[in-house]
């Protein structure tokens, strides 16, 4: 599975925060989806792209994990 996250460059999120987010996502996704690749980059808008998942329930599960990690700000410290 491949997860690509684009974050609007206007949000001024530090590279350290993006690295922490990537590490936290790997912690949550790799136990469930061992062949996970995550790419986080800055761009002109916010967005998430998932590839390599065939079932809608898997896509929903991954999106829920992404949302849970983003909302739990414990990884930002």
N, C-alpha and C. Protein backbone atom coordinates (compact mmCIF):
# COMPACT_ATOMS: atom_id res chain seq x y z
N UNK A 1 0.84 -1.17 0.00
CA UNK A 1 0.00 0.00 0.00
C UNK A 1 0.88 1.23 0.00
N UNK A 2 0.42 2.25 -0.67
CA UNK A 2 1.13 3.52 -0.72
C UNK A 2 0.19 4.63 -0.24
N UNK A 3 0.71 5.45 0.66
CA UNK A 3 -0.03 6.60 1.18
C UNK A 3 0.75 7.84 0.80
N UNK A 4 0.11 8.73 0.10
CA UNK A 4 0.74 10.00 -0.26
C UNK A 4 -0.10 11.13 0.33
N UNK A 5 0.55 11.94 1.16
CA UNK A 5 -0.12 13.05 1.83
C UNK A 5 0.52 14.34 1.35
N UNK A 6 -0.33 15.24 0.87
CA UNK A 6 0.15 16.55 0.48
C UNK A 6 -0.42 17.57 1.47
N UNK A 7 0.46 18.41 2.00
CA UNK A 7 0.06 19.42 2.96
C UNK A 7 0.34 20.79 2.34
N UNK A 8 -0.63 21.66 2.41
CA UNK A 8 -0.53 23.00 1.84
C UNK A 8 0.68 23.72 2.42
N UNK A 9 1.56 24.17 1.54
CA UNK A 9 2.79 24.84 1.99
C UNK A 9 2.51 26.13 2.75
N UNK A 10 1.32 26.70 2.57
CA UNK A 10 0.95 27.92 3.28
C UNK A 10 0.72 27.67 4.78
N UNK A 11 0.59 26.41 5.20
CA UNK A 11 0.34 26.10 6.60
C UNK A 11 1.59 26.21 7.47
N UNK A 12 2.75 26.37 6.86
CA UNK A 12 4.00 26.56 7.60
C UNK A 12 4.23 25.48 8.66
N UNK A 13 4.14 24.23 8.25
CA UNK A 13 4.42 23.11 9.14
C UNK A 13 5.90 22.76 9.01
N UNK A 14 6.57 22.63 10.13
CA UNK A 14 8.02 22.40 10.11
C UNK A 14 8.35 21.00 9.59
N UNK A 15 9.55 20.86 9.01
CA UNK A 15 9.99 19.53 8.57
C UNK A 15 10.03 18.51 9.71
N UNK A 16 10.36 18.96 10.92
CA UNK A 16 10.39 18.05 12.07
C UNK A 16 8.99 17.50 12.37
N UNK A 17 7.98 18.33 12.22
CA UNK A 17 6.60 17.89 12.45
C UNK A 17 6.19 16.89 11.39
N UNK A 18 6.56 17.14 10.15
CA UNK A 18 6.23 16.21 9.07
C UNK A 18 6.92 14.86 9.28
N UNK A 19 8.15 14.89 9.75
CA UNK A 19 8.87 13.65 10.04
C UNK A 19 8.20 12.89 11.18
N UNK A 20 7.81 13.62 12.23
CA UNK A 20 7.13 12.98 13.37
C UNK A 20 5.80 12.37 12.92
N UNK A 21 5.07 13.06 12.06
CA UNK A 21 3.82 12.52 11.53
C UNK A 21 4.07 11.24 10.74
N UNK A 22 5.07 11.25 9.90
CA UNK A 22 5.40 10.06 9.10
C UNK A 22 5.75 8.88 10.01
N UNK A 23 6.56 9.11 11.02
CA UNK A 23 6.95 8.04 11.95
C UNK A 23 5.73 7.48 12.68
N UNK A 24 4.84 8.36 13.10
CA UNK A 24 3.64 7.92 13.82
C UNK A 24 2.73 7.11 12.90
N UNK A 25 2.60 7.53 11.66
CA UNK A 25 1.77 6.79 10.72
C UNK A 25 2.35 5.40 10.46
N UNK A 26 3.66 5.31 10.31
CA UNK A 26 4.29 4.00 10.13
C UNK A 26 3.99 3.10 11.33
N UNK A 27 4.06 3.66 12.55
CA UNK A 27 3.78 2.86 13.76
C UNK A 27 2.38 2.27 13.74
N UNK A 28 1.43 3.02 13.22
CA UNK A 28 0.04 2.56 13.22
C UNK A 28 -0.31 1.69 12.02
N UNK A 29 0.32 1.93 10.88
CA UNK A 29 -0.08 1.24 9.65
C UNK A 29 0.70 -0.05 9.37
N UNK A 30 1.99 -0.08 9.68
CA UNK A 30 2.80 -1.24 9.34
C UNK A 30 2.35 -2.53 10.03
N UNK A 31 1.90 -2.49 11.29
CA UNK A 31 1.40 -3.75 11.88
C UNK A 31 0.21 -4.34 11.13
N UNK A 32 -0.61 -3.49 10.52
CA UNK A 32 -1.79 -3.96 9.81
C UNK A 32 -1.49 -4.19 8.33
N UNK A 33 -0.71 -3.29 7.74
CA UNK A 33 -0.35 -3.34 6.32
C UNK A 33 1.19 -3.29 6.22
N UNK A 34 1.85 -4.46 6.33
CA UNK A 34 3.31 -4.49 6.39
C UNK A 34 4.03 -3.86 5.19
N UNK A 35 3.42 -3.88 4.03
CA UNK A 35 4.08 -3.32 2.85
C UNK A 35 3.59 -1.89 2.60
N UNK A 36 3.73 -1.06 3.61
CA UNK A 36 3.27 0.32 3.53
C UNK A 36 4.42 1.25 3.18
N UNK A 37 4.17 2.15 2.24
CA UNK A 37 5.10 3.23 1.91
C UNK A 37 4.35 4.53 2.10
N UNK A 38 4.98 5.46 2.82
CA UNK A 38 4.34 6.74 3.11
C UNK A 38 5.21 7.86 2.56
N UNK A 39 4.56 8.79 1.91
CA UNK A 39 5.25 9.98 1.41
C UNK A 39 4.44 11.20 1.85
N UNK A 40 5.11 12.11 2.54
CA UNK A 40 4.48 13.36 2.96
C UNK A 40 5.26 14.49 2.31
N UNK A 41 4.53 15.37 1.64
CA UNK A 41 5.21 16.49 0.98
C UNK A 41 4.34 17.73 1.05
N UNK A 42 4.98 18.86 0.84
CA UNK A 42 4.26 20.11 0.79
C UNK A 42 3.85 20.38 -0.65
N UNK A 43 2.67 20.98 -0.80
CA UNK A 43 2.17 21.28 -2.14
C UNK A 43 1.25 22.48 -2.11
N UNK A 44 0.43 22.58 -3.14
CA UNK A 44 -0.45 23.75 -3.27
C UNK A 44 -1.79 23.55 -2.56
N UNK A 45 -2.06 22.35 -2.07
CA UNK A 45 -3.33 22.06 -1.39
C UNK A 45 -3.15 20.86 -0.47
N UNK A 46 -4.13 20.64 0.40
CA UNK A 46 -4.13 19.45 1.25
C UNK A 46 -4.78 18.30 0.50
N UNK A 47 -4.24 17.10 0.68
CA UNK A 47 -4.85 15.95 0.05
C UNK A 47 -4.21 14.64 0.50
N UNK A 48 -4.95 13.56 0.32
CA UNK A 48 -4.46 12.22 0.64
C UNK A 48 -4.79 11.32 -0.54
N UNK A 49 -3.80 10.54 -0.94
CA UNK A 49 -4.01 9.58 -2.02
C UNK A 49 -3.57 8.20 -1.54
N UNK A 50 -4.46 7.23 -1.67
CA UNK A 50 -4.16 5.86 -1.30
C UNK A 50 -4.10 5.01 -2.56
N UNK A 51 -3.13 4.13 -2.62
CA UNK A 51 -3.08 3.18 -3.74
C UNK A 51 -2.63 1.83 -3.21
N UNK A 52 -3.03 0.79 -3.92
CA UNK A 52 -2.66 -0.56 -3.51
C UNK A 52 -3.67 -1.23 -2.61
N UNK A 53 -4.80 -0.59 -2.38
CA UNK A 53 -5.87 -1.19 -1.58
C UNK A 53 -7.05 -1.48 -2.49
N UNK A 54 -7.54 -2.70 -2.45
CA UNK A 54 -8.64 -3.08 -3.33
C UNK A 54 -10.00 -2.93 -2.67
N UNK A 55 -10.07 -3.18 -1.39
CA UNK A 55 -11.36 -3.16 -0.69
C UNK A 55 -11.67 -1.78 -0.13
N UNK A 56 -12.92 -1.36 -0.30
CA UNK A 56 -13.34 -0.08 0.26
C UNK A 56 -13.20 -0.05 1.78
N UNK A 57 -13.42 -1.18 2.43
CA UNK A 57 -13.30 -1.20 3.89
C UNK A 57 -11.86 -0.96 4.32
N UNK A 58 -10.88 -1.44 3.53
CA UNK A 58 -9.47 -1.15 3.85
C UNK A 58 -9.18 0.34 3.68
N UNK A 59 -9.72 0.93 2.62
CA UNK A 59 -9.52 2.37 2.40
C UNK A 59 -10.11 3.17 3.54
N UNK A 60 -11.31 2.80 3.97
CA UNK A 60 -11.95 3.50 5.09
C UNK A 60 -11.15 3.33 6.37
N UNK A 61 -10.62 2.13 6.58
CA UNK A 61 -9.83 1.86 7.78
C UNK A 61 -8.56 2.71 7.80
N UNK A 62 -7.88 2.78 6.66
CA UNK A 62 -6.66 3.58 6.59
C UNK A 62 -6.97 5.06 6.78
N UNK A 63 -8.03 5.54 6.16
CA UNK A 63 -8.40 6.94 6.32
C UNK A 63 -8.74 7.25 7.78
N UNK A 64 -9.38 6.31 8.46
CA UNK A 64 -9.70 6.50 9.88
C UNK A 64 -8.42 6.55 10.72
N UNK A 65 -7.46 5.69 10.40
CA UNK A 65 -6.17 5.70 11.11
C UNK A 65 -5.48 7.04 10.89
N UNK A 66 -5.47 7.51 9.64
CA UNK A 66 -4.84 8.80 9.33
C UNK A 66 -5.49 9.92 10.14
N UNK A 67 -6.80 9.92 10.18
CA UNK A 67 -7.53 10.95 10.92
C UNK A 67 -7.23 10.86 12.42
N UNK A 68 -7.24 9.65 12.96
CA UNK A 68 -6.98 9.46 14.39
C UNK A 68 -5.58 9.96 14.76
N UNK A 69 -4.60 9.63 13.94
CA UNK A 69 -3.22 10.06 14.22
C UNK A 69 -3.13 11.59 14.15
N UNK A 70 -3.75 12.17 13.12
CA UNK A 70 -3.70 13.63 12.97
C UNK A 70 -4.34 14.34 14.15
N UNK A 71 -5.46 13.82 14.63
CA UNK A 71 -6.19 14.46 15.73
C UNK A 71 -5.54 14.24 17.08
N UNK A 72 -4.79 13.15 17.23
CA UNK A 72 -4.07 12.88 18.48
C UNK A 72 -2.72 13.57 18.40
N UNK A 73 -2.60 14.73 19.03
CA UNK A 73 -1.39 15.53 18.86
C UNK A 73 -0.22 15.08 19.75
N UNK A 74 -0.30 13.92 20.37
CA UNK A 74 0.79 13.45 21.21
C UNK A 74 2.09 13.24 20.47
N UNK A 75 2.03 12.93 19.20
CA UNK A 75 3.23 12.71 18.39
C UNK A 75 3.95 14.01 18.04
N UNK A 76 3.29 15.15 18.24
CA UNK A 76 3.88 16.43 17.86
C UNK A 76 4.89 16.96 18.88
N UNK A 77 5.00 16.30 20.04
CA UNK A 77 5.87 16.85 21.09
C UNK A 77 7.24 16.23 21.07
